Structures are given as structure tokens and as C-alpha cells.
Amino acid sequence: MANLKEIKRKISSVKNTQKTTNAMKLVSSAKLKRTEELAKRSRVYAAKLTELIEEIAQKMHHANVDGIDNIFFQENNDPKKVDIIFITADKGLCGGFNSQTIKRTSQMITDYQSKGAKVRLRAIGRKGIDYFKFNNIELDDAIVGLSAAPDYKQSSEFISEVVESYVNGDTDRIVLIHNGYVNMITQEIREAQVLPVDASQLELSAVSTSEMEVEPDDDDTLLDALVKRYVEYSIYYALIDSLAAEHSARMQAMDAATKNAKEMVKDLNVKYNKARQEAITTELIEIISGMESMK
């Protein structure tokens, strides 16, 4: 009977876990829909901002045979100081979502250090912060809560310090790493060179059809302002993209956990029925044996 009680207790425990994981799946599904819609709207804004940068950069590119003479476009092929910004979640229970970002960040640190570059880490998200602190890896900046609730003002303040460091010459390159949303079942690691802006990714050779008129003396000033806004929005969009990916990863993980719990309950019920049958058989044998001994 003790064995039957233990199996029954396990069944009850697994069923409670199944209810919890199913509830978490439904919550993540609802949050994903809202975040996905926000990401779509943000993508439109980011595309328009990129168009404006391309327009101004194109004019400067054609006006200067040596390329764009702007601090935000001055590529350094052998950076000696690199800032890596990475985004992880504040919570777990989302499969390999966080570990993939941490793994790629660690690889990038190794790659830059092997080339003689000094790396400074700037972390967003508790999971990544805890990992690197546990491994005694220094973090130059760390913030908790922003990846769970992206805020434009807060993210702008976070990145503005890094941009200022770049302008002052304290860093040669700024790289952003996060796990991005592809669809309901897929996430992928995304890494982008935030600064200097990679001119090769811009359509500078295209013929302009814009009616925008800018005075030559204003080109540099306007481009600086646009690039700063572009960088601010890049980190904000990455936070939204990461949050959508986190919800989709957690939804998958909780769906798998719910299915596993269902299978475990099924197996435990079979085990319970077998143990109950054995107990009944044993009692019958004892009764029959007792009756036979009395004859």
C-alpha cells in the first residue's frame, strides 16, 4: 500500500506541474502576439530611418572621392578596443534561448582577444549577468529589467554612454548580440556592428529619387543626429526582437514540458494499475492460502 500511495502522490504532483507549464505556455503565447505586433511597427520605423541615413550618406559619398568623412563611418579593420553589448532574458524556462546568446558572446570575446583586442562587456538581462559573474568575467555595465520590459528612454541612456565612448576614441567598435525572433518556432542569433556604421550595408550607389534638399554644410550635422537616433533605435528594436524570441522559446519549452508531463502521468497510471493488481492478487493468495490451511 505504501508503494501505491507514493505513485498516487507522484501522479498528483506531475498533474500540478502540467497545469503550471500549460498556463505558462498560454501566457507566453498571448505576450508573443503583442510583442510581435510591436516588432512589426518598429521595423517600419527602423527601415525609414535607414533610408534617411542612406540618402545623406549617399550625397556625402558622391561629394568625397575618399568616401564618407564622418566619425561614425570610419571603419577600423584592426580594432584594439571593442565593446560587446549582449541581451539575455531576466528569467529562465525558455529552453536554450539564453545559453545560445551566452555561447556566441563567449566565442566573440575569444575571437577578438586572440587578435589582441581589449573587450569590454555590457550586459542586458539577469541570466547573462549571472553567468559571467559566476565565471569571474568582468562586466563594464549591466542592467536588469530592461529585456523583460523594453523602454526607449532607458535603452537610449544605456547606449548613449557607449556612443560617447566611441566618439571620444575609448572604443573602436561596438557590437550588439541577441537571440532574435524568426517565427513561432524558430529563433536565431543576430549580431550587428552598431558603430562604426558599415557603409557596405547601405545602398550608396543607387540613384536618389528623394525630393529632400539639404544644404552641404548641414550634411554632417544631420548625419550625426540620424546615426545617433539610428543607434538608439537599433538597441531598442533588438530588445523587442529578443523579447519576442524569448516568448516563442518559452512557449515551445512549456509546450514540450506539458506533453512530457502528460506522458509521465500516463506511465504512472499504468504503473499504479499494475501495482494495484499485484496488491489485490497478493491479498487473494493470502486469503485462499489461509482458507486452505483451515481445512
Protein backbone atom coordinates (compact mmCIF):
# COMPACT_ATOMS: atom_id res chain seq x y z
CA MET A 1 0.00 0.00 0.00
CA ALA A 2 2.92 2.32 0.71
CA ASN A 3 4.04 1.92 -2.92
CA LEU A 4 0.54 2.75 -4.18
CA LYS A 5 0.41 5.90 -2.08
CA GLU A 6 3.80 7.02 -3.39
CA ILE A 7 2.75 6.50 -7.03
CA LYS A 8 -0.53 8.35 -6.39
CA ARG A 9 1.41 11.25 -4.84
CA LYS A 10 3.68 11.39 -7.89
CA ILE A 11 0.70 11.44 -10.26
CA SER A 12 -0.83 14.35 -8.34
CA SER A 13 2.49 16.23 -8.36
CA VAL A 14 3.03 15.75 -12.11
CA LYS A 15 -0.54 16.85 -12.86
CA ASN A 16 0.01 20.06 -10.91
CA THR A 17 3.23 20.67 -12.84
CA GLN A 18 1.35 20.02 -16.09
CA LYS A 19 -1.22 22.69 -15.19
CA THR A 20 1.55 25.18 -14.41
CA THR A 21 3.51 24.58 -17.64
CA ASN A 22 0.32 24.77 -19.71
CA ALA A 23 -0.61 28.08 -18.06
CA MET A 24 2.89 29.45 -18.75
CA LYS A 25 2.57 28.39 -22.38
CA LEU A 26 -0.73 30.26 -22.75
CA VAL A 27 0.70 33.39 -21.08
CA SER A 28 3.76 33.36 -23.36
CA SER A 29 1.52 32.87 -26.40
CA ALA A 30 -0.55 35.95 -25.51
CA LYS A 31 2.54 38.05 -24.78
CA LEU A 32 4.15 36.93 -28.03
CA LYS A 33 1.24 38.24 -30.09
CA ARG A 34 1.55 41.70 -28.52
CA THR A 35 5.33 41.79 -28.83
CA GLU A 36 5.21 40.54 -32.42
CA GLU A 37 2.88 43.40 -33.38
CA LEU A 38 5.18 45.92 -31.66
CA ALA A 39 8.16 44.47 -33.54
CA LYS A 40 6.38 44.88 -36.89
CA ARG A 41 5.66 48.57 -36.20
CA SER A 42 9.21 49.15 -35.00
CA ARG A 43 10.62 47.51 -38.14
CA VAL A 44 8.82 50.06 -40.34
CA TYR A 45 10.29 52.98 -38.39
CA ALA A 46 13.78 51.47 -38.49
CA ALA A 47 13.53 51.00 -42.27
CA LYS A 48 12.54 54.65 -42.79
CA LEU A 49 15.39 55.82 -40.57
CA THR A 50 17.85 53.72 -42.59
CA GLU A 51 16.51 55.30 -45.79
CA LEU A 52 17.25 58.78 -44.47
CA ILE A 53 20.78 57.80 -43.44
CA GLU A 54 21.37 56.27 -46.88
CA GLU A 55 20.13 59.47 -48.54
CA ILE A 56 22.50 61.76 -46.62
CA ALA A 57 25.40 59.29 -46.73
CA GLN A 58 24.93 58.90 -50.48
CA LYS A 59 25.32 62.65 -51.06
CA MET A 60 28.47 62.75 -48.92
CA HIS A 61 29.83 59.64 -50.63
CA HIS A 62 29.49 61.18 -54.09
CA ALA A 63 30.87 64.53 -52.92
CA ASN A 64 34.04 62.99 -51.45
CA VAL A 65 36.23 60.66 -53.55
CA ASP A 66 37.73 59.15 -50.38
CA GLY A 67 34.34 58.08 -49.12
CA ILE A 68 32.26 59.38 -46.22
CA ASP A 69 34.30 61.65 -43.97
CA ASN A 70 32.31 61.15 -40.80
CA ILE A 71 33.43 59.67 -37.45
CA PHE A 72 30.50 57.26 -37.39
CA PHE A 73 31.55 55.75 -40.73
CA GLN A 74 35.32 55.47 -40.17
CA GLU A 75 35.87 51.71 -40.31
CA ASN A 76 38.79 50.25 -38.37
CA ASN A 77 39.78 46.85 -39.73
CA ASP A 78 42.07 46.14 -36.78
CA PRO A 79 40.16 47.31 -33.68
CA LYS A 80 42.11 47.33 -30.44
CA LYS A 81 39.18 48.15 -28.17
CA VAL A 82 35.77 46.55 -28.68
CA ASP A 83 32.52 46.97 -26.76
CA ILE A 84 30.20 43.95 -26.91
CA ILE A 85 26.60 44.51 -25.87
CA PHE A 86 24.56 41.33 -25.41
CA ILE A 87 20.93 40.75 -24.47
CA THR A 88 19.57 37.81 -22.49
CA ALA A 89 16.33 37.26 -20.58
CA ASP A 90 15.77 38.00 -16.91
CA LYS A 91 14.06 34.63 -16.49
CA GLY A 92 14.71 31.04 -17.49
CA LEU A 93 12.40 28.18 -18.51
CA CYS A 94 12.85 29.05 -22.19
CA GLY A 95 14.99 26.18 -23.47
CA GLY A 96 18.37 27.13 -24.92
CA PHE A 97 17.37 30.75 -25.57
CA ASN A 98 19.83 32.29 -23.10
CA SER A 99 22.60 29.72 -23.47
CA GLN A 100 22.83 30.33 -27.23
CA THR A 101 23.41 34.06 -26.72
CA ILE A 102 25.94 33.45 -23.95
CA LYS A 103 27.78 30.89 -26.08
CA ARG A 104 28.04 33.25 -29.06
CA THR A 105 29.15 36.13 -26.82
CA SER A 106 31.88 33.96 -25.29
CA GLN A 107 33.06 32.93 -28.77
CA MET A 108 33.23 36.55 -29.89
CA ILE A 109 35.23 37.53 -26.79
CA THR A 110 37.73 34.77 -27.58
CA ASP A 111 37.93 35.80 -31.26
CA TYR A 112 38.69 39.45 -30.51
CA GLN A 113 41.12 38.66 -27.71
CA SER A 114 43.02 36.27 -29.99
CA LYS A 115 43.54 39.25 -32.33
CA GLY A 116 44.96 41.34 -29.49
CA ALA A 117 41.85 43.45 -28.89
CA LYS A 118 40.65 44.53 -25.46
CA VAL A 119 36.98 43.58 -24.94
CA ARG A 120 34.52 45.34 -22.69
CA LEU A 121 31.24 43.55 -21.92
CA ARG A 122 27.96 45.38 -21.44
CA ALA A 123 25.11 43.11 -20.38
CA ILE A 124 21.32 43.41 -20.52
CA GLY A 125 19.41 40.64 -18.75
CA ARG A 126 19.87 38.77 -15.48
CA LYS A 127 20.72 35.37 -16.99
CA GLY A 128 23.73 36.65 -18.91
CA ILE A 129 24.87 38.81 -16.00
CA ASP A 130 24.71 35.88 -13.57
CA TYR A 131 26.64 33.62 -15.95
CA PHE A 132 29.59 35.94 -16.49
CA LYS A 133 29.73 37.00 -12.85
CA PHE A 134 29.78 33.33 -11.81
CA ASN A 135 32.71 32.77 -14.19
CA ASN A 136 34.53 35.84 -12.81
CA ILE A 137 34.35 37.73 -16.11
CA GLU A 138 34.21 41.47 -15.61
CA LEU A 139 31.20 43.43 -16.88
CA ASP A 140 31.63 47.13 -17.62
CA ASP A 141 27.90 47.72 -17.47
CA ALA A 142 24.90 45.61 -16.50
CA ILE A 143 21.19 46.27 -16.36
CA VAL A 144 18.32 44.08 -15.16
CA GLY A 145 14.66 44.51 -16.11
CA LEU A 146 15.15 46.17 -19.50
CA SER A 147 14.98 42.96 -21.55
CA ALA A 148 11.71 41.97 -19.89
CA ALA A 149 10.13 45.40 -20.48
CA PRO A 150 11.89 47.31 -23.30
CA ASP A 151 11.82 51.06 -22.74
CA TYR A 152 13.10 53.50 -25.38
CA LYS A 153 14.29 56.15 -22.93
CA GLN A 154 16.12 53.68 -20.71
CA SER A 155 17.73 51.85 -23.64
CA SER A 156 18.80 55.20 -25.16
CA GLU A 157 20.51 56.20 -21.92
CA PHE A 158 22.25 52.83 -21.83
CA ILE A 159 23.61 53.07 -25.39
CA SER A 160 24.43 56.80 -25.24
CA GLU A 161 27.31 56.12 -22.85
CA VAL A 162 28.76 53.60 -25.29
CA VAL A 163 28.35 56.02 -28.23
CA GLU A 164 30.10 58.75 -26.26
CA SER A 165 32.91 56.31 -25.55
CA TYR A 166 33.21 55.67 -29.30
CA VAL A 167 33.23 59.39 -30.18
CA ASN A 168 35.93 60.03 -27.56
CA GLY A 169 38.09 57.27 -29.02
CA ASP A 170 37.81 54.98 -25.98
CA THR A 171 36.49 52.17 -28.16
CA ASP A 172 36.98 51.31 -31.85
CA ARG A 173 33.91 49.14 -32.42
CA ILE A 174 30.52 48.47 -30.85
CA VAL A 175 28.88 45.10 -31.48
CA LEU A 176 25.36 44.01 -30.48
CA ILE A 177 24.37 40.36 -29.95
CA HIS A 178 20.90 38.99 -29.21
CA ASN A 179 18.70 35.99 -29.93
CA GLY A 180 16.12 37.19 -32.46
CA TYR A 181 12.61 36.16 -33.43
CA VAL A 182 12.10 34.43 -36.78
CA ASN A 183 8.71 32.79 -36.32
CA MET A 184 6.64 30.95 -33.69
CA ILE A 185 9.04 28.01 -33.58
CA THR A 186 12.38 29.49 -34.61
CA GLN A 187 14.88 31.90 -33.07
CA GLU A 188 18.31 32.82 -34.38
CA ILE A 189 21.40 34.56 -33.03
CA ARG A 190 21.80 38.01 -34.53
CA GLU A 191 24.90 40.12 -34.29
CA ALA A 192 25.31 43.60 -35.71
CA GLN A 193 28.12 46.13 -35.85
CA VAL A 194 26.45 49.18 -34.33
CA LEU A 195 29.42 51.55 -34.74
CA PRO A 196 31.09 52.41 -36.96
CA VAL A 197 28.18 52.13 -39.39
CA ASP A 198 29.04 49.57 -42.04
CA ALA A 199 28.78 51.63 -45.25
CA SER A 200 28.89 48.43 -47.32
CA GLN A 201 25.42 47.57 -45.97
CA LEU A 202 23.97 50.85 -47.24
CA GLU A 203 22.74 51.40 -50.79
CA LEU A 204 25.11 54.26 -51.63
CA SER A 205 25.36 53.54 -55.34
CA ALA A 206 21.66 53.81 -56.05
CA VAL A 207 20.27 56.80 -57.90
CA SER A 208 18.40 59.03 -55.48
CA THR A 209 14.73 59.68 -56.19
CA SER A 210 14.13 61.64 -52.99
CA GLU A 211 13.00 65.25 -53.10
CA MET A 212 14.78 66.03 -49.83
CA GLU A 213 17.03 69.09 -50.08
CA VAL A 214 19.87 69.54 -47.58
CA GLU A 215 22.50 72.28 -47.56
CA PRO A 216 26.05 70.89 -47.95
CA ASP A 217 27.14 72.39 -44.62
CA ASP A 218 24.27 70.64 -42.88
CA ASP A 219 25.05 67.14 -44.19
CA ASP A 220 27.47 66.20 -41.41
CA THR A 221 25.31 67.63 -38.63
CA LEU A 222 22.18 65.91 -39.90
CA LEU A 223 24.00 62.61 -40.45
CA ASP A 224 25.38 62.71 -36.87
CA ALA A 225 21.90 63.25 -35.48
CA LEU A 226 20.41 60.50 -37.63
CA VAL A 227 23.14 57.98 -36.78
CA LYS A 228 22.68 58.62 -33.05
CA ARG A 229 18.94 58.08 -33.42
CA TYR A 230 19.64 55.01 -35.58
CA VAL A 231 21.89 53.54 -32.86
CA GLU A 232 19.33 54.28 -30.16
CA TYR A 233 16.60 52.60 -32.16
CA SER A 234 18.85 49.64 -33.03
CA ILE A 235 19.22 48.72 -29.35
CA TYR A 236 15.51 49.32 -28.71
CA TYR A 237 14.46 47.16 -31.65
CA ALA A 238 16.92 44.44 -30.57
CA LEU A 239 15.27 44.41 -27.13
CA ILE A 240 11.81 43.98 -28.69
CA ASP A 241 13.09 41.33 -31.10
CA SER A 242 14.78 39.48 -28.22
CA LEU A 243 11.62 39.63 -26.09
CA ALA A 244 9.52 38.17 -28.92
CA ALA A 245 12.08 35.38 -29.35
CA GLU A 246 12.08 34.76 -25.59
CA HIS A 247 8.29 34.35 -25.52
CA SER A 248 8.33 31.99 -28.52
CA ALA A 249 11.16 29.94 -26.94
CA ARG A 250 9.33 29.75 -23.60
CA MET A 251 6.09 28.81 -25.35
CA GLN A 252 7.90 25.91 -27.08
CA ALA A 253 9.65 24.83 -23.88
CA MET A 254 6.43 24.87 -21.85
CA ASP A 255 4.55 23.03 -24.62
CA ALA A 256 7.20 20.30 -24.59
CA ALA A 257 7.11 20.18 -20.77
CA THR A 258 3.30 19.87 -20.79
CA LYS A 259 3.46 16.99 -23.28
CA ASN A 260 6.17 15.26 -21.24
CA ALA A 261 4.10 15.65 -18.09
CA LYS A 262 1.10 14.13 -19.88
CA GLU A 263 3.18 11.12 -20.95
CA MET A 264 4.59 10.78 -17.43
CA VAL A 265 1.08 10.76 -15.93
CA LYS A 266 0.10 8.07 -18.45
CA ASP A 267 3.11 5.92 -17.49
CA LEU A 268 2.49 6.44 -13.77
CA ASN A 269 -1.17 5.42 -14.17
CA VAL A 270 -0.07 2.19 -15.86
CA LYS A 271 2.43 1.64 -13.05
CA TYR A 272 -0.27 2.38 -10.44
CA ASN A 273 -2.73 -0.07 -12.01
CA LYS A 274 -0.09 -2.80 -12.17
CA ALA A 275 0.88 -2.23 -8.52
CA ARG A 276 -2.81 -2.26 -7.53
CA GLN A 277 -3.39 -5.52 -9.41
CA GLU A 278 -0.34 -7.05 -7.72
CA ALA A 279 -1.61 -5.94 -4.32
CA ILE A 280 -5.07 -7.42 -4.99
CA THR A 281 -3.54 -10.67 -6.28
CA THR A 282 -1.33 -10.91 -3.20
CA GLU A 283 -4.33 -10.38 -0.89
CA LEU A 284 -6.35 -13.05 -2.74
CA ILE A 285 -3.48 -15.54 -2.50
CA GLU A 286 -3.17 -14.86 1.24
CA ILE A 287 -6.93 -15.32 1.75
CA ILE A 288 -7.02 -18.56 -0.28
CA SER A 289 -3.90 -19.84 1.50
CA GLY A 290 -5.50 -19.05 4.87
CA MET A 291 -8.70 -20.87 3.93
CA GLU A 292 -6.75 -23.90 2.68
CA SER A 293 -4.77 -24.11 5.90
CA MET A 294 -8.03 -24.18 7.92
CA LYS A 295 -9.35 -27.25 6.11
